[in-house]
Amino acid sequence: QVQLVESGGGLVQPGGSLRLSCVGSGSIFSIDVMGWYRQAPGKQRELVATITGGGTTRYGDSVKGRFTLSRDNAKNTVYLQMNTLKPEDTAVYYCHAILAIVPNPNNKYSYWGQGTQVIVSS
């Protein structure tokens, strides 16, 4: 059993900052890629940012220069620092990971967290 547990969402004013965290737990052998996607009402889920075990990051165009993703491999945790937030950043943010589990480390699986709401509004 694997869980991805998100935290850090909430209400913030435009121009403000939030930090999201996602912790992986359970029968995890290794995590290849970990990151965040978001889905606003009436829109498709979109990439926010991902990071590999080696630290290579990828960002969605709309968040480049404002969001920073980091990872603590020892803790199976990623952190998304979101600065200069805009109303259009309002969405449910989902943690995602591609990982290997015990006892079959040669197979990779995709897992999603339950999501955390971010609302940017004055």
N, C-alpha and C. Protein backbone atom coordinates (compact mmCIF):
# COMPACT_ATOMS: atom_id res chain seq x y z
N GLN A 1 0.84 -1.19 0.00
CA GLN A 1 0.00 0.00 0.00
C GLN A 1 0.88 1.24 0.00
N VAL A 2 0.58 2.17 -0.92
CA VAL A 2 1.33 3.41 -1.04
C VAL A 2 0.37 4.58 -0.89
N GLN A 3 0.81 5.59 -0.18
CA GLN A 3 0.02 6.81 -0.06
C GLN A 3 0.87 8.02 -0.37
N LEU A 4 0.25 8.98 -1.03
CA LEU A 4 0.84 10.30 -1.22
C LEU A 4 -0.06 11.27 -0.47
N VAL A 5 0.52 11.95 0.51
CA VAL A 5 -0.28 12.83 1.35
C VAL A 5 0.19 14.26 1.17
N GLU A 6 -0.74 15.10 0.71
CA GLU A 6 -0.43 16.50 0.44
C GLU A 6 -0.81 17.36 1.63
N SER A 7 -0.14 18.48 1.76
CA SER A 7 -0.48 19.48 2.77
C SER A 7 -0.02 20.85 2.30
N GLY A 8 -0.58 21.89 2.92
CA GLY A 8 -0.11 23.24 2.66
C GLY A 8 -1.04 24.11 1.84
N GLY A 9 -2.13 23.56 1.35
CA GLY A 9 -3.05 24.39 0.58
C GLY A 9 -3.80 25.37 1.47
N GLY A 10 -4.56 26.25 0.81
CA GLY A 10 -5.32 27.21 1.57
C GLY A 10 -5.68 28.42 0.74
N LEU A 11 -6.10 29.45 1.44
CA LEU A 11 -6.51 30.72 0.82
C LEU A 11 -5.38 31.73 0.97
N VAL A 12 -5.05 32.40 -0.12
CA VAL A 12 -4.00 33.41 -0.10
C VAL A 12 -4.39 34.54 -1.03
N GLN A 13 -3.92 35.72 -0.70
CA GLN A 13 -4.20 36.88 -1.55
C GLN A 13 -3.30 36.89 -2.78
N PRO A 14 -3.74 37.52 -3.85
CA PRO A 14 -2.87 37.66 -5.03
C PRO A 14 -1.54 38.30 -4.65
N GLY A 15 -0.47 37.76 -5.20
CA GLY A 15 0.87 38.22 -4.87
C GLY A 15 1.50 37.50 -3.70
N GLY A 16 0.71 36.70 -3.01
CA GLY A 16 1.21 35.99 -1.84
C GLY A 16 1.92 34.70 -2.20
N SER A 17 2.26 33.96 -1.15
CA SER A 17 3.02 32.71 -1.31
C SER A 17 2.38 31.59 -0.50
N LEU A 18 2.58 30.38 -0.99
CA LEU A 18 2.21 29.17 -0.27
C LEU A 18 3.27 28.13 -0.55
N ARG A 19 3.39 27.18 0.38
CA ARG A 19 4.30 26.05 0.19
C ARG A 19 3.52 24.76 0.37
N LEU A 20 3.50 23.96 -0.68
CA LEU A 20 2.85 22.65 -0.62
C LEU A 20 3.89 21.57 -0.36
N SER A 21 3.46 20.56 0.39
CA SER A 21 4.32 19.40 0.64
C SER A 21 3.57 18.13 0.26
N CYS A 22 4.33 17.14 -0.18
CA CYS A 22 3.76 15.83 -0.49
C CYS A 22 4.71 14.77 0.03
N VAL A 23 4.19 13.89 0.86
CA VAL A 23 5.01 12.83 1.44
C VAL A 23 4.51 11.49 0.95
N GLY A 24 5.42 10.69 0.44
CA GLY A 24 5.10 9.32 0.05
C GLY A 24 5.39 8.36 1.19
N SER A 25 4.46 7.43 1.40
CA SER A 25 4.66 6.46 2.47
C SER A 25 4.13 5.10 2.03
N GLY A 26 4.53 4.06 2.78
CA GLY A 26 4.09 2.71 2.47
C GLY A 26 5.22 1.89 1.87
N SER A 27 4.85 0.96 1.02
CA SER A 27 5.81 -0.02 0.48
C SER A 27 6.58 0.53 -0.71
N ILE A 28 7.23 1.66 -0.52
CA ILE A 28 7.97 2.32 -1.60
C ILE A 28 9.39 1.79 -1.63
N PHE A 29 9.80 1.32 -2.79
CA PHE A 29 11.20 0.93 -2.97
C PHE A 29 12.03 2.11 -3.46
N SER A 30 11.51 2.80 -4.46
CA SER A 30 12.19 3.99 -4.97
C SER A 30 11.19 4.84 -5.73
N ILE A 31 11.47 6.13 -5.82
CA ILE A 31 10.61 7.06 -6.55
C ILE A 31 11.40 7.64 -7.71
N ASP A 32 10.91 7.45 -8.92
CA ASP A 32 11.60 7.99 -10.09
C ASP A 32 11.30 9.47 -10.26
N VAL A 33 10.04 9.77 -10.48
CA VAL A 33 9.62 11.15 -10.72
C VAL A 33 8.52 11.48 -9.73
N MET A 34 8.56 12.68 -9.21
CA MET A 34 7.56 13.13 -8.26
C MET A 34 7.23 14.58 -8.55
N GLY A 35 5.99 14.97 -8.36
CA GLY A 35 5.67 16.35 -8.64
C GLY A 35 4.22 16.69 -8.44
N TRP A 36 3.79 17.77 -9.11
CA TRP A 36 2.46 18.31 -8.91
C TRP A 36 1.77 18.59 -10.24
N TYR A 37 0.48 18.35 -10.23
CA TYR A 37 -0.42 18.75 -11.30
C TYR A 37 -1.56 19.51 -10.64
N ARG A 38 -2.29 20.26 -11.43
CA ARG A 38 -3.43 20.97 -10.87
C ARG A 38 -4.62 20.94 -11.81
N GLN A 39 -5.79 21.10 -11.23
CA GLN A 39 -7.00 21.11 -12.02
C GLN A 39 -7.94 22.19 -11.48
N ALA A 40 -8.23 23.15 -12.35
CA ALA A 40 -9.18 24.20 -12.02
C ALA A 40 -10.57 23.77 -12.46
N PRO A 41 -11.60 24.36 -11.89
CA PRO A 41 -12.97 23.99 -12.27
C PRO A 41 -13.20 24.15 -13.77
N GLY A 42 -13.73 23.12 -14.39
CA GLY A 42 -14.03 23.17 -15.81
C GLY A 42 -12.83 23.03 -16.74
N LYS A 43 -11.67 22.76 -16.18
CA LYS A 43 -10.47 22.64 -17.00
C LYS A 43 -9.82 21.27 -16.81
N GLN A 44 -8.95 20.94 -17.76
CA GLN A 44 -8.22 19.69 -17.67
C GLN A 44 -7.08 19.80 -16.66
N ARG A 45 -6.71 18.66 -16.13
CA ARG A 45 -5.56 18.63 -15.24
C ARG A 45 -4.31 19.00 -16.03
N GLU A 46 -3.45 19.83 -15.44
CA GLU A 46 -2.26 20.29 -16.15
C GLU A 46 -1.02 20.16 -15.29
N LEU A 47 0.11 20.08 -15.95
CA LEU A 47 1.39 19.99 -15.27
C LEU A 47 1.70 21.28 -14.53
N VAL A 48 2.14 21.14 -13.28
CA VAL A 48 2.71 22.27 -12.55
C VAL A 48 4.23 22.13 -12.55
N ALA A 49 4.72 21.03 -11.98
CA ALA A 49 6.16 20.81 -11.94
C ALA A 49 6.45 19.37 -11.54
N THR A 50 7.54 18.84 -12.08
CA THR A 50 8.01 17.51 -11.69
C THR A 50 9.51 17.55 -11.46
N ILE A 51 9.99 16.56 -10.71
CA ILE A 51 11.41 16.48 -10.41
C ILE A 51 11.83 15.02 -10.38
N THR A 52 12.97 14.73 -10.98
CA THR A 52 13.48 13.36 -10.97
C THR A 52 14.31 13.12 -9.70
N GLY A 53 14.69 11.87 -9.50
CA GLY A 53 15.53 11.56 -8.36
C GLY A 53 16.88 12.26 -8.42
N GLY A 54 17.33 12.57 -9.63
CA GLY A 54 18.59 13.28 -9.78
C GLY A 54 18.46 14.78 -9.69
N GLY A 55 17.23 15.28 -9.54
CA GLY A 55 17.03 16.70 -9.34
C GLY A 55 16.68 17.50 -10.59
N THR A 56 16.45 16.81 -11.70
CA THR A 56 16.05 17.52 -12.92
C THR A 56 14.58 17.93 -12.81
N THR A 57 14.33 19.20 -13.01
CA THR A 57 12.98 19.72 -12.86
C THR A 57 12.37 20.08 -14.22
N ARG A 58 11.07 20.08 -14.23
CA ARG A 58 10.28 20.47 -15.40
C ARG A 58 9.09 21.27 -14.88
N TYR A 59 8.84 22.42 -15.50
CA TYR A 59 7.76 23.29 -15.04
C TYR A 59 6.77 23.56 -16.17
N GLY A 60 5.51 23.74 -15.77
CA GLY A 60 4.53 24.21 -16.72
C GLY A 60 4.83 25.66 -17.08
N ASP A 61 4.47 26.06 -18.29
CA ASP A 61 4.80 27.41 -18.76
C ASP A 61 4.20 28.49 -17.87
N SER A 62 3.03 28.23 -17.34
CA SER A 62 2.34 29.28 -16.58
C SER A 62 2.94 29.52 -15.20
N VAL A 63 3.80 28.64 -14.73
CA VAL A 63 4.37 28.80 -13.38
C VAL A 63 5.86 29.06 -13.39
N LYS A 64 6.49 28.99 -14.55
CA LYS A 64 7.94 29.20 -14.63
C LYS A 64 8.32 30.56 -14.06
N GLY A 65 9.35 30.56 -13.23
CA GLY A 65 9.83 31.79 -12.63
C GLY A 65 9.11 32.18 -11.35
N ARG A 66 8.00 31.50 -11.05
CA ARG A 66 7.24 31.82 -9.83
C ARG A 66 7.22 30.65 -8.85
N PHE A 67 7.21 29.45 -9.37
CA PHE A 67 7.15 28.25 -8.52
C PHE A 67 8.50 27.55 -8.55
N THR A 68 8.84 26.95 -7.41
CA THR A 68 10.07 26.17 -7.31
C THR A 68 9.78 24.84 -6.64
N LEU A 69 10.19 23.77 -7.31
CA LEU A 69 9.99 22.43 -6.78
C LEU A 69 11.30 21.87 -6.28
N SER A 70 11.26 21.29 -5.09
CA SER A 70 12.45 20.65 -4.53
C SER A 70 12.06 19.30 -3.95
N ARG A 71 13.08 18.51 -3.66
CA ARG A 71 12.81 17.12 -3.26
C ARG A 71 13.80 16.69 -2.20
N ASP A 72 13.28 15.93 -1.23
CA ASP A 72 14.12 15.29 -0.23
C ASP A 72 13.98 13.79 -0.43
N ASN A 73 14.94 13.18 -1.10
CA ASN A 73 14.83 11.76 -1.44
C ASN A 73 14.77 10.88 -0.20
N ALA A 74 15.49 11.25 0.83
CA ALA A 74 15.52 10.43 2.04
C ALA A 74 14.15 10.38 2.72
N LYS A 75 13.36 11.42 2.52
CA LYS A 75 12.04 11.50 3.16
C LYS A 75 10.89 11.22 2.18
N ASN A 76 11.21 10.88 0.93
CA ASN A 76 10.17 10.67 -0.09
C ASN A 76 9.21 11.84 -0.15
N THR A 77 9.77 13.04 -0.12
CA THR A 77 8.97 14.25 -0.01
C THR A 77 9.36 15.26 -1.09
N VAL A 78 8.35 15.93 -1.63
CA VAL A 78 8.60 17.07 -2.50
C VAL A 78 7.93 18.30 -1.91
N TYR A 79 8.53 19.44 -2.21
CA TYR A 79 8.03 20.73 -1.72
C TYR A 79 7.84 21.64 -2.92
N LEU A 80 6.68 22.29 -2.98
CA LEU A 80 6.41 23.23 -4.06
C LEU A 80 6.26 24.62 -3.44
N GLN A 81 7.25 25.45 -3.65
CA GLN A 81 7.18 26.83 -3.19
C GLN A 81 6.52 27.67 -4.28
N MET A 82 5.40 28.27 -3.94
CA MET A 82 4.62 29.04 -4.90
C MET A 82 4.65 30.51 -4.49
N ASN A 83 5.25 31.32 -5.33
CA ASN A 83 5.36 32.76 -5.07
C ASN A 83 4.59 33.54 -6.11
N THR A 84 4.34 34.79 -5.80
CA THR A 84 3.64 35.70 -6.70
C THR A 84 2.38 35.03 -7.25
N LEU A 85 1.58 34.50 -6.35
CA LEU A 85 0.39 33.75 -6.78
C LEU A 85 -0.63 34.67 -7.44
N LYS A 86 -1.32 34.10 -8.43
CA LYS A 86 -2.32 34.82 -9.20
C LYS A 86 -3.68 34.13 -9.05
N PRO A 87 -4.77 34.83 -9.25
CA PRO A 87 -6.08 34.17 -9.19
C PRO A 87 -6.18 32.95 -10.10
N GLU A 88 -5.51 32.99 -11.23
CA GLU A 88 -5.55 31.85 -12.15
C GLU A 88 -4.78 30.64 -11.66
N ASP A 89 -4.10 30.77 -10.54
CA ASP A 89 -3.44 29.62 -9.92
C ASP A 89 -4.42 28.83 -9.04
N THR A 90 -5.61 29.37 -8.87
CA THR A 90 -6.63 28.69 -8.08
C THR A 90 -6.97 27.34 -8.71
N ALA A 91 -6.84 26.28 -7.92
CA ALA A 91 -7.08 24.93 -8.43
C ALA A 91 -6.91 23.94 -7.29
N VAL A 92 -7.27 22.70 -7.58
CA VAL A 92 -6.89 21.60 -6.69
C VAL A 92 -5.54 21.09 -7.18
N TYR A 93 -4.60 21.03 -6.29
CA TYR A 93 -3.24 20.59 -6.63
C TYR A 93 -3.07 19.14 -6.19
N TYR A 94 -2.63 18.32 -7.15
CA TYR A 94 -2.48 16.89 -6.91
C TYR A 94 -1.00 16.50 -6.97
N CYS A 95 -0.59 15.75 -5.97
CA CYS A 95 0.74 15.18 -5.98
C CYS A 95 0.73 13.91 -6.83
N HIS A 96 1.80 13.69 -7.57
CA HIS A 96 1.92 12.51 -8.42
C HIS A 96 3.32 11.93 -8.30
N ALA A 97 3.39 10.63 -8.36
CA ALA A 97 4.70 9.97 -8.32
C ALA A 97 4.70 8.74 -9.21
N ILE A 98 5.83 8.50 -9.85
CA ILE A 98 6.09 7.24 -10.55
C ILE A 98 7.13 6.51 -9.73
N LEU A 99 6.76 5.35 -9.24
CA LEU A 99 7.63 4.71 -8.26
C LEU A 99 7.61 3.19 -8.37
N ALA A 100 8.58 2.60 -7.72
CA ALA A 100 8.67 1.15 -7.62
C ALA A 100 8.31 0.75 -6.19
N ILE A 101 7.64 -0.38 -6.06
CA ILE A 101 7.21 -0.81 -4.74
C ILE A 101 7.82 -2.15 -4.39
N VAL A 102 7.88 -2.38 -3.11
CA VAL A 102 8.30 -3.67 -2.59
C VAL A 102 7.12 -4.63 -2.71
N PRO A 103 7.23 -5.87 -3.14
CA PRO A 103 8.48 -6.58 -3.41
C PRO A 103 8.84 -6.70 -4.89
N ASN A 104 8.28 -5.82 -5.76
CA ASN A 104 8.56 -5.90 -7.19
C ASN A 104 9.23 -4.62 -7.68
N PRO A 105 10.46 -4.37 -7.32
CA PRO A 105 11.11 -3.10 -7.66
C PRO A 105 11.38 -2.89 -9.13
N ASN A 106 11.23 -3.92 -9.96
CA ASN A 106 11.46 -3.74 -11.39
C ASN A 106 10.25 -3.15 -12.10
N ASN A 107 9.11 -3.13 -11.46
CA ASN A 107 7.90 -2.55 -12.06
C ASN A 107 7.67 -1.15 -11.51
N LYS A 108 7.20 -0.25 -12.39
CA LYS A 108 6.94 1.12 -11.99
C LYS A 108 5.44 1.40 -12.03
N TYR A 109 4.98 2.16 -11.07
CA TYR A 109 3.56 2.45 -10.96
C TYR A 109 3.33 3.94 -10.79
N SER A 110 2.16 4.38 -11.22
CA SER A 110 1.76 5.78 -11.11
C SER A 110 0.77 5.93 -9.96
N TYR A 111 1.07 6.86 -9.06
CA TYR A 111 0.19 7.12 -7.92
C TYR A 111 -0.17 8.60 -7.86
N TRP A 112 -1.39 8.85 -7.37
CA TRP A 112 -1.88 10.21 -7.17
C TRP A 112 -2.29 10.40 -5.72
N GLY A 113 -2.09 11.61 -5.23
CA GLY A 113 -2.62 11.99 -3.94
C GLY A 113 -4.08 12.42 -4.07
N GLN A 114 -4.69 12.76 -2.94
CA GLN A 114 -6.10 13.13 -2.93
C GLN A 114 -6.34 14.58 -3.36
N GLY A 115 -5.30 15.38 -3.33
CA GLY A 115 -5.43 16.77 -3.75
C GLY A 115 -5.56 17.73 -2.58
N THR A 116 -5.06 18.93 -2.79
CA THR A 116 -5.20 20.00 -1.80
C THR A 116 -5.61 21.28 -2.53
N GLN A 117 -6.58 21.97 -1.95
CA GLN A 117 -7.16 23.15 -2.61
C GLN A 117 -6.28 24.38 -2.38
N VAL A 118 -6.04 25.10 -3.45
CA VAL A 118 -5.38 26.40 -3.36
C VAL A 118 -6.33 27.43 -3.95
N ILE A 119 -6.61 28.46 -3.18
CA ILE A 119 -7.49 29.54 -3.64
C ILE A 119 -6.72 30.85 -3.52
N VAL A 120 -6.62 31.55 -4.64
CA VAL A 120 -5.94 32.84 -4.67
C VAL A 120 -7.01 33.89 -4.94
N SER A 121 -7.29 34.67 -3.91
CA SER A 121 -8.38 35.64 -4.01
C SER A 121 -8.19 36.73 -2.98
N SER A 122 -8.65 37.92 -3.35
CA SER A 122 -8.61 39.03 -2.40
C SER A 122 -9.93 39.13 -1.65
